[in-house]
C-alpha atoms as a PDB file:
ATOM      1  CA  MET A   1      18.063   6.304  18.848  1.00  0.00           C
ATOM      2  CA  PRO A   2      17.888   2.510  18.470  1.00  0.00           C
ATOM      3  CA  PRO A   3      21.343   0.975  17.026  1.00  0.00           C
ATOM      4  CA  LEU A   4      21.478   0.368  13.217  1.00  0.00           C
ATOM      5  CA  PRO A   5      20.909  -2.567  11.592  1.00  0.00           C
ATOM      6  CA  LEU A   6      23.313  -2.733   8.582  1.00  0.00           C
ATOM      7  CA  THR A   7      22.179  -5.696   6.762  1.00  0.00           C
ATOM      8  CA  VAL A   8      18.420  -4.003   5.836  1.00  0.00           C
ATOM      9  CA  THR A   9      18.249  -3.295   1.959  1.00  0.00           C
ATOM     10  CA  ARG A  10      14.375  -2.273   2.854  1.00  0.00           C
ATOM     11  CA  ILE A  11      11.643  -1.436   5.112  1.00  0.00           C
ATOM     12  CA  TYR A  12       8.091  -1.918   3.016  1.00  0.00           C
ATOM     13  CA  ILE A  13       4.726  -2.170   4.154  1.00  0.00           C
ATOM     14  CA  PRO A  14       2.389  -4.256   1.426  1.00  0.00           C
ATOM     15  CA  LYS A  15      -1.240  -2.933   2.420  1.00  0.00           C
ATOM     16  CA  LEU A  16      -0.352   1.047   1.304  1.00  0.00           C
ATOM     17  CA  ASP A  17       2.117   0.090  -1.036  1.00  0.00           C
ATOM     18  CA  TYR A  18       4.756   2.215   1.032  1.00  0.00           C
ATOM     19  CA  THR A  19       8.596   1.927   1.283  1.00  0.00           C
ATOM     20  CA  VAL A  20       9.941   3.436   4.537  1.00  0.00           C
ATOM     21  CA  VAL A  21      13.499   3.156   3.623  1.00  0.00           C
ATOM     22  CA  SER A  22      14.716   1.881   0.414  1.00  0.00           C
ATOM     23  CA  LYS A  23      19.108   1.407   0.030  1.00  0.00           C
ATOM     24  CA  GLN A  24      18.407   1.261  -3.726  1.00  0.00           C
ATOM     25  CA  ASN A  25      16.614   4.169  -4.776  1.00  0.00           C
ATOM     26  CA  GLU A  26      16.816   7.227  -2.198  1.00  0.00           C
ATOM     27  CA  GLU A  27      19.205   8.864   0.395  1.00  0.00           C
ATOM     28  CA  MET A  28      19.128   6.609   3.379  1.00  0.00           C
ATOM     29  CA  ARG A  29      16.803   7.635   6.210  1.00  0.00           C
ATOM     30  CA  LEU A  30      19.320   6.784   9.107  1.00  0.00           C
ATOM     31  CA  ALA A  31      16.682   7.581  12.102  1.00  0.00           C
ATOM     32  CA  SER A  32      13.701   5.708  10.597  1.00  0.00           C
ATOM     33  CA  LEU A  33      15.377   2.788   9.458  1.00  0.00           C
ATOM     34  CA  ALA A  34      16.792   2.164  12.990  1.00  0.00           C
ATOM     35  CA  ILE A  35      13.562   2.942  14.563  1.00  0.00           C
ATOM     36  CA  PHE A  36      11.174   0.839  12.267  1.00  0.00           C
ATOM     37  CA  TYR A  37      13.702  -1.793  12.409  1.00  0.00           C
ATOM     38  CA  ASP A  38      13.345  -1.839  16.183  1.00  0.00           C
ATOM     39  CA  ILE A  39       9.878  -2.205  16.236  1.00  0.00           C
ATOM     40  CA  TYR A  40      10.579  -4.775  13.566  1.00  0.00           C
ATOM     41  CA  LYS A  41      12.368  -6.570  15.576  1.00  0.00           C
ATOM     42  CA  ASP A  42      10.654  -6.206  19.135  1.00  0.00           C
ATOM     43  CA  GLU A  43       8.010  -9.221  19.917  1.00  0.00           C
ATOM     44  CA  GLN A  44       5.565  -7.292  21.603  1.00  0.00           C
ATOM     45  CA  TYR A  45       4.578  -5.521  18.485  1.00  0.00           C
ATOM     46  CA  LYS A  46       4.808  -8.957  16.222  1.00  0.00           C
ATOM     47  CA  SER A  47       6.137  -6.754  13.054  1.00  0.00           C
ATOM     48  CA  ARG A  48       2.959  -4.704  13.002  1.00  0.00           C
ATOM     49  CA  LEU A  49       2.545  -0.867  13.155  1.00  0.00           C
ATOM     50  CA  THR A  50      -0.324  -0.419  15.792  1.00  0.00           C
ATOM     51  CA  ARG A  51      -1.305   2.587  17.746  1.00  0.00           C
ATOM     52  CA  LYS A  52       1.396   0.993  20.317  1.00  0.00           C
ATOM     53  CA  SER A  53       4.225   0.318  18.115  1.00  0.00           C
ATOM     54  CA  ALA A  54       3.592   3.759  16.130  1.00  0.00           C
ATOM     55  CA  MET A  55       3.640   5.631  19.620  1.00  0.00           C
ATOM     56  CA  THR A  56       6.866   4.163  20.539  1.00  0.00           C
ATOM     57  CA  ALA A  57       8.495   4.801  17.400  1.00  0.00           C
ATOM     58  CA  LEU A  58       7.270   8.577  17.082  1.00  0.00           C
ATOM     59  CA  CYS A  59       8.758   8.589  21.184  1.00  0.00           C
ATOM     60  CA  MET A  60      12.290   7.320  19.230  1.00  0.00           C
ATOM     61  CA  TYR A  61      12.322  10.088  17.093  1.00  0.00           C
ATOM     62  CA  ASP A  62      13.985  14.011  17.826  1.00  0.00           C
ATOM     63  CA  ARG A  63      11.553  15.677  19.311  1.00  0.00           C
ATOM     64  CA  ASP A  64      12.019  18.736  17.191  1.00  0.00           C
ATOM     65  CA  ASP A  65      11.459  16.762  14.199  1.00  0.00           C
ATOM     66  CA  VAL A  66       8.294  15.409  15.076  1.00  0.00           C
ATOM     67  CA  ASP A  67       7.565  18.731  16.268  1.00  0.00           C
ATOM     68  CA  GLU A  68       8.546  19.541  12.590  1.00  0.00           C
ATOM     69  CA  ALA A  69       6.373  17.228  10.998  1.00  0.00           C
ATOM     70  CA  GLN A  70       3.182  18.280  12.704  1.00  0.00           C
ATOM     71  CA  LYS A  71       3.812  21.760  11.339  1.00  0.00           C
ATOM     72  CA  THR A  72       4.877  21.059   7.817  1.00  0.00           C
ATOM     73  CA  PRO A  73       3.164  17.632   6.848  1.00  0.00           C
ATOM     74  CA  GLY A  74       4.981  16.000   4.024  1.00  0.00           C
ATOM     75  CA  ASP A  75       8.486  16.932   4.880  1.00  0.00           C
ATOM     76  CA  TYR A  76       8.974  14.194   7.265  1.00  0.00           C
ATOM     77  CA  PRO A  77       6.776  11.222   5.334  1.00  0.00           C
ATOM     78  CA  ASN A  78       7.645   8.519   8.117  1.00  0.00           C
ATOM     79  CA  ILE A  79       6.446  10.194  11.042  1.00  0.00           C
ATOM     80  CA  ASP A  80       3.892  11.346   8.639  1.00  0.00           C
ATOM     81  CA  LEU A  81       2.744   7.467   8.334  1.00  0.00           C
ATOM     82  CA  LEU A  82       3.093   7.031  12.509  1.00  0.00           C
ATOM     83  CA  PHE A  83       0.734   9.651  13.089  1.00  0.00           C
ATOM     84  CA  ARG A  84      -1.686   8.323  10.330  1.00  0.00           C
ATOM     85  CA  VAL A  85      -1.427   4.743  11.884  1.00  0.00           C
ATOM     86  CA  TYR A  86      -1.869   6.391  15.495  1.00  0.00           C
ATOM     87  CA  ASN A  87      -4.931   9.034  14.937  1.00  0.00           C
ATOM     88  CA  GLN A  88      -7.028   6.163  12.600  1.00  0.00           C
ATOM     89  CA  GLY A  89      -6.300   3.266  14.934  1.00  0.00           C
ATOM     90  CA  MET A  90      -4.170   1.396  11.903  1.00  0.00           C
ATOM     91  CA  ASP A  91      -3.426  -2.427  12.186  1.00  0.00           C
ATOM     92  CA  LEU A  92      -0.233  -2.780   9.002  1.00  0.00           C
ATOM     93  CA  GLU A  93       2.242  -5.854   8.751  1.00  0.00           C
ATOM     94  CA  PHE A  94       5.633  -4.332   7.403  1.00  0.00           C
ATOM     95  CA  GLU A  95       8.174  -6.210   5.969  1.00  0.00           C
ATOM     96  CA  VAL A  96      12.022  -5.883   6.272  1.00  0.00           C
ATOM     97  CA  GLU A  97      14.487  -7.474   3.549  1.00  0.00           C
ATOM     98  CA  GLU A  98      17.750  -7.809   4.518  1.00  0.00           C
ATOM     99  CA  PHE A  99      21.218  -8.901   2.276  1.00  0.00           C
ATOM    100  CA  MET A 100      23.009 -11.943   4.561  1.00  0.00           C
ATOM    101  CA  PRO A 101      27.091 -11.030   4.348  1.00  0.00           C
ATOM    102  CA  LYS A 102      28.991 -13.841   3.078  1.00  0.00           C
END
C-alpha cells in the first residue's frame, strides 16, 4: 500500500457524485485513501480513473479484499467502482480536497 496522505479530507468523483473517502462523515478507509491518492498524484494518470489507472489501483489492494469484493458486490464499494471503470472503459476525473496545516 502506498504511504498515507495525512492532509486529504475527501476524494470525490464529480461525474458519479461519488465520495471515495471523506474524513468528515465516515470511518476512514485507509487503503482507499492511500491508493486513490497515489493514482491522483501519479502524472501518467492525470488525475483520472481509466482502465489503466483502475487496474493499477486494483493491484495495490490486498488480494484477499479484491477476491472478496468479487464474491460479495457492495461490501467493498471502492473496489467495485474500480472494476466498473475497468469493465466499462470509463474515463473519470476525480478530485482530492486537502487542508493545509498551519
